[in-house]
């Protein structure tokens, strides 16, 4: 299991959090999604055997929440 923190653009409210949680959470291999509109960060725990960082970044970007380059952190929770 791998955990990454993505700093993204424009998480304005709880509704945005729900959108992110639903779209990223529907990706096969994603175990947990915790977006925070106060920090514009999304913590994602996922199984590297089923999904990769690029796919998660693409889902976030397609939803209008583009991750900033180089600001994700590997292994924050239970690497």
N, C-alpha and C. Protein backbone atom coordinates (compact mmCIF):
# COMPACT_ATOMS: atom_id res chain seq x y z
N UNK A 1 0.84 -1.18 0.00
CA UNK A 1 0.00 0.00 0.00
C UNK A 1 0.89 1.24 0.00
N UNK A 2 0.50 2.23 -0.77
CA UNK A 2 1.25 3.47 -0.86
C UNK A 2 0.31 4.63 -0.56
N UNK A 3 0.84 5.67 0.06
CA UNK A 3 0.06 6.86 0.35
C UNK A 3 0.77 8.07 -0.21
N UNK A 4 0.02 8.90 -0.92
CA UNK A 4 0.56 10.14 -1.48
C UNK A 4 -0.32 11.31 -1.07
N UNK A 5 0.31 12.46 -0.93
CA UNK A 5 -0.42 13.70 -0.69
C UNK A 5 -0.25 14.57 -1.92
N UNK A 6 -1.37 14.93 -2.53
CA UNK A 6 -1.36 15.80 -3.70
C UNK A 6 -1.86 17.18 -3.30
N UNK A 7 -1.13 18.22 -3.63
CA UNK A 7 -1.62 19.58 -3.49
C UNK A 7 -2.24 19.93 -4.83
N UNK A 8 -3.52 20.29 -4.79
CA UNK A 8 -4.27 20.52 -6.03
C UNK A 8 -4.82 21.94 -6.06
N UNK A 9 -5.40 22.29 -7.18
CA UNK A 9 -6.00 23.61 -7.37
C UNK A 9 -7.48 23.60 -7.01
N UNK A 10 -7.92 24.63 -6.36
CA UNK A 10 -9.34 24.99 -6.27
C UNK A 10 -10.29 24.01 -5.59
N UNK A 11 -9.93 23.46 -4.45
CA UNK A 11 -10.93 22.74 -3.65
C UNK A 11 -11.63 23.81 -2.83
N UNK A 12 -12.84 24.19 -3.24
CA UNK A 12 -13.52 25.32 -2.63
C UNK A 12 -14.38 24.97 -1.42
N UNK A 13 -14.88 23.74 -1.38
CA UNK A 13 -15.90 23.45 -0.36
C UNK A 13 -16.01 21.94 -0.14
N UNK A 14 -16.93 21.58 0.74
CA UNK A 14 -17.20 20.17 1.02
C UNK A 14 -17.73 19.45 -0.21
N UNK A 15 -18.46 20.16 -1.07
CA UNK A 15 -18.96 19.55 -2.31
C UNK A 15 -17.81 19.13 -3.22
N UNK A 16 -16.78 19.98 -3.29
CA UNK A 16 -15.59 19.62 -4.07
C UNK A 16 -14.93 18.39 -3.45
N UNK A 17 -14.87 18.35 -2.12
CA UNK A 17 -14.29 17.20 -1.45
C UNK A 17 -15.05 15.93 -1.81
N UNK A 18 -16.36 16.01 -1.82
CA UNK A 18 -17.19 14.85 -2.15
C UNK A 18 -16.93 14.39 -3.59
N UNK A 19 -16.82 15.34 -4.51
CA UNK A 19 -16.53 15.01 -5.90
C UNK A 19 -15.20 14.27 -6.01
N UNK A 20 -14.17 14.80 -5.36
CA UNK A 20 -12.85 14.16 -5.40
C UNK A 20 -12.91 12.78 -4.77
N UNK A 21 -13.54 12.68 -3.62
CA UNK A 21 -13.63 11.40 -2.91
C UNK A 21 -14.32 10.35 -3.79
N UNK A 22 -15.37 10.75 -4.48
CA UNK A 22 -16.12 9.81 -5.33
C UNK A 22 -15.32 9.40 -6.56
N UNK A 23 -14.80 10.38 -7.29
CA UNK A 23 -14.11 10.08 -8.55
C UNK A 23 -12.82 9.30 -8.33
N UNK A 24 -12.01 9.72 -7.38
CA UNK A 24 -10.75 9.01 -7.13
C UNK A 24 -11.04 7.69 -6.43
N UNK A 25 -12.01 7.69 -5.55
CA UNK A 25 -12.36 6.46 -4.83
C UNK A 25 -12.90 5.36 -5.73
N UNK A 26 -13.44 5.73 -6.89
CA UNK A 26 -13.96 4.73 -7.83
C UNK A 26 -12.88 4.06 -8.67
N UNK A 27 -11.65 4.55 -8.57
CA UNK A 27 -10.54 3.96 -9.33
C UNK A 27 -10.14 2.64 -8.67
N UNK A 28 -10.05 1.58 -9.46
CA UNK A 28 -9.65 0.27 -8.94
C UNK A 28 -8.28 0.38 -8.27
N UNK A 29 -8.19 -0.11 -7.04
CA UNK A 29 -6.93 -0.10 -6.31
C UNK A 29 -6.82 1.02 -5.29
N UNK A 30 -7.68 2.04 -5.41
CA UNK A 30 -7.67 3.12 -4.43
C UNK A 30 -8.42 2.66 -3.19
N UNK A 31 -7.77 2.74 -2.05
CA UNK A 31 -8.35 2.27 -0.80
C UNK A 31 -8.98 3.39 0.03
N UNK A 32 -8.38 4.59 -0.02
CA UNK A 32 -8.87 5.69 0.80
C UNK A 32 -8.53 7.02 0.14
N UNK A 33 -9.46 7.97 0.21
CA UNK A 33 -9.26 9.30 -0.35
C UNK A 33 -9.72 10.32 0.70
N UNK A 34 -8.83 11.22 1.07
CA UNK A 34 -9.16 12.24 2.07
C UNK A 34 -8.80 13.63 1.56
N UNK A 35 -9.74 14.29 0.86
CA UNK A 35 -9.48 15.66 0.40
C UNK A 35 -9.77 16.66 1.52
N UNK A 36 -9.08 17.81 1.50
CA UNK A 36 -9.28 18.85 2.51
C UNK A 36 -9.31 20.21 1.81
N UNK A 37 -10.48 20.85 1.81
CA UNK A 37 -10.63 22.13 1.12
C UNK A 37 -9.86 23.27 1.81
N UNK A 38 -9.51 23.11 3.07
CA UNK A 38 -8.77 24.16 3.78
C UNK A 38 -7.31 24.21 3.36
N UNK A 39 -6.76 23.06 2.97
CA UNK A 39 -5.34 23.00 2.61
C UNK A 39 -5.11 22.75 1.12
N UNK A 40 -6.20 22.46 0.38
CA UNK A 40 -6.10 22.07 -1.03
C UNK A 40 -5.23 20.83 -1.20
N UNK A 41 -5.31 19.91 -0.25
CA UNK A 41 -4.55 18.67 -0.33
C UNK A 41 -5.48 17.47 -0.36
N UNK A 42 -5.02 16.45 -1.08
CA UNK A 42 -5.76 15.19 -1.18
C UNK A 42 -4.81 14.07 -0.80
N UNK A 43 -5.15 13.34 0.25
CA UNK A 43 -4.36 12.18 0.67
C UNK A 43 -5.01 10.95 0.04
N UNK A 44 -4.21 10.18 -0.69
CA UNK A 44 -4.73 8.99 -1.37
C UNK A 44 -3.90 7.78 -0.98
N UNK A 45 -4.57 6.76 -0.47
CA UNK A 45 -3.92 5.48 -0.17
C UNK A 45 -4.36 4.49 -1.25
N UNK A 46 -3.36 3.84 -1.88
CA UNK A 46 -3.69 2.96 -3.00
C UNK A 46 -2.72 1.78 -3.09
N UNK A 47 -3.19 0.76 -3.81
CA UNK A 47 -2.42 -0.45 -4.06
C UNK A 47 -1.65 -0.25 -5.36
N UNK A 48 -0.33 -0.18 -5.26
CA UNK A 48 0.53 0.06 -6.43
C UNK A 48 0.43 -1.04 -7.49
N UNK A 49 -0.03 -2.22 -7.09
CA UNK A 49 -0.18 -3.32 -8.05
C UNK A 49 -1.40 -3.11 -8.96
N UNK A 50 -2.33 -2.24 -8.53
CA UNK A 50 -3.56 -2.03 -9.29
C UNK A 50 -3.65 -0.66 -9.96
N UNK A 51 -2.99 0.34 -9.41
CA UNK A 51 -3.10 1.70 -9.94
C UNK A 51 -1.79 2.43 -9.67
N UNK A 52 -1.50 3.42 -10.51
CA UNK A 52 -0.26 4.18 -10.32
C UNK A 52 -0.55 5.66 -10.11
N UNK A 53 0.50 6.37 -9.76
CA UNK A 53 0.44 7.80 -9.47
C UNK A 53 -0.09 8.59 -10.67
N UNK A 54 0.33 8.23 -11.85
CA UNK A 54 -0.08 8.97 -13.05
C UNK A 54 -1.59 8.87 -13.26
N UNK A 55 -2.15 7.70 -13.04
CA UNK A 55 -3.59 7.52 -13.19
C UNK A 55 -4.35 8.39 -12.19
N UNK A 56 -3.90 8.41 -10.95
CA UNK A 56 -4.56 9.24 -9.93
C UNK A 56 -4.45 10.71 -10.30
N UNK A 57 -3.28 11.15 -10.73
CA UNK A 57 -3.09 12.54 -11.16
C UNK A 57 -4.04 12.88 -12.32
N UNK A 58 -4.18 11.95 -13.27
CA UNK A 58 -5.06 12.18 -14.42
C UNK A 58 -6.52 12.31 -13.99
N UNK A 59 -6.96 11.47 -13.07
CA UNK A 59 -8.34 11.54 -12.58
C UNK A 59 -8.58 12.88 -11.89
N UNK A 60 -7.65 13.30 -11.05
CA UNK A 60 -7.77 14.60 -10.38
C UNK A 60 -7.82 15.74 -11.40
N UNK A 61 -6.92 15.71 -12.38
CA UNK A 61 -6.87 16.77 -13.39
C UNK A 61 -8.15 16.79 -14.24
N UNK A 62 -8.63 15.61 -14.64
CA UNK A 62 -9.85 15.53 -15.44
C UNK A 62 -11.06 16.09 -14.69
N UNK A 63 -11.03 16.01 -13.36
CA UNK A 63 -12.11 16.52 -12.53
C UNK A 63 -11.96 18.01 -12.25
N UNK A 64 -10.87 18.62 -12.73
CA UNK A 64 -10.66 20.05 -12.52
C UNK A 64 -9.82 20.39 -11.31
N UNK A 65 -9.15 19.39 -10.74
CA UNK A 65 -8.32 19.59 -9.54
C UNK A 65 -6.89 19.16 -9.85
N UNK A 66 -6.23 19.91 -10.71
CA UNK A 66 -4.89 19.54 -11.18
C UNK A 66 -3.86 19.55 -10.06
N UNK A 67 -3.16 18.43 -9.89
CA UNK A 67 -2.08 18.39 -8.89
C UNK A 67 -0.92 19.28 -9.32
N UNK A 68 -0.33 19.94 -8.36
CA UNK A 68 0.87 20.72 -8.63
C UNK A 68 2.04 19.76 -8.75
N UNK A 69 2.91 19.99 -9.72
CA UNK A 69 4.06 19.12 -9.95
C UNK A 69 5.02 19.13 -8.78
N UNK A 70 5.52 17.94 -8.45
CA UNK A 70 6.58 17.81 -7.46
C UNK A 70 6.18 18.03 -6.03
N UNK A 71 4.88 18.05 -5.73
CA UNK A 71 4.48 18.31 -4.35
C UNK A 71 3.83 17.13 -3.66
N UNK A 72 3.88 15.95 -4.29
CA UNK A 72 3.34 14.78 -3.61
C UNK A 72 4.43 14.19 -2.70
N UNK A 73 4.00 13.53 -1.65
CA UNK A 73 4.93 12.94 -0.69
C UNK A 73 4.70 11.43 -0.66
N UNK A 74 5.74 10.66 -0.86
CA UNK A 74 5.63 9.20 -0.83
C UNK A 74 5.64 8.69 0.60
N UNK A 75 4.89 7.64 0.85
CA UNK A 75 4.99 6.91 2.10
C UNK A 75 4.63 7.68 3.34
N UNK A 76 3.66 8.56 3.27
CA UNK A 76 3.31 9.35 4.43
C UNK A 76 2.66 8.48 5.49
N UNK A 77 1.81 7.55 5.06
CA UNK A 77 1.10 6.69 6.00
C UNK A 77 1.33 5.24 5.61
N UNK A 78 1.94 4.47 6.47
CA UNK A 78 2.05 3.03 6.32
C UNK A 78 2.54 2.52 4.99
N UNK A 79 3.74 2.87 4.62
CA UNK A 79 4.32 2.43 3.35
C UNK A 79 4.45 0.95 3.27
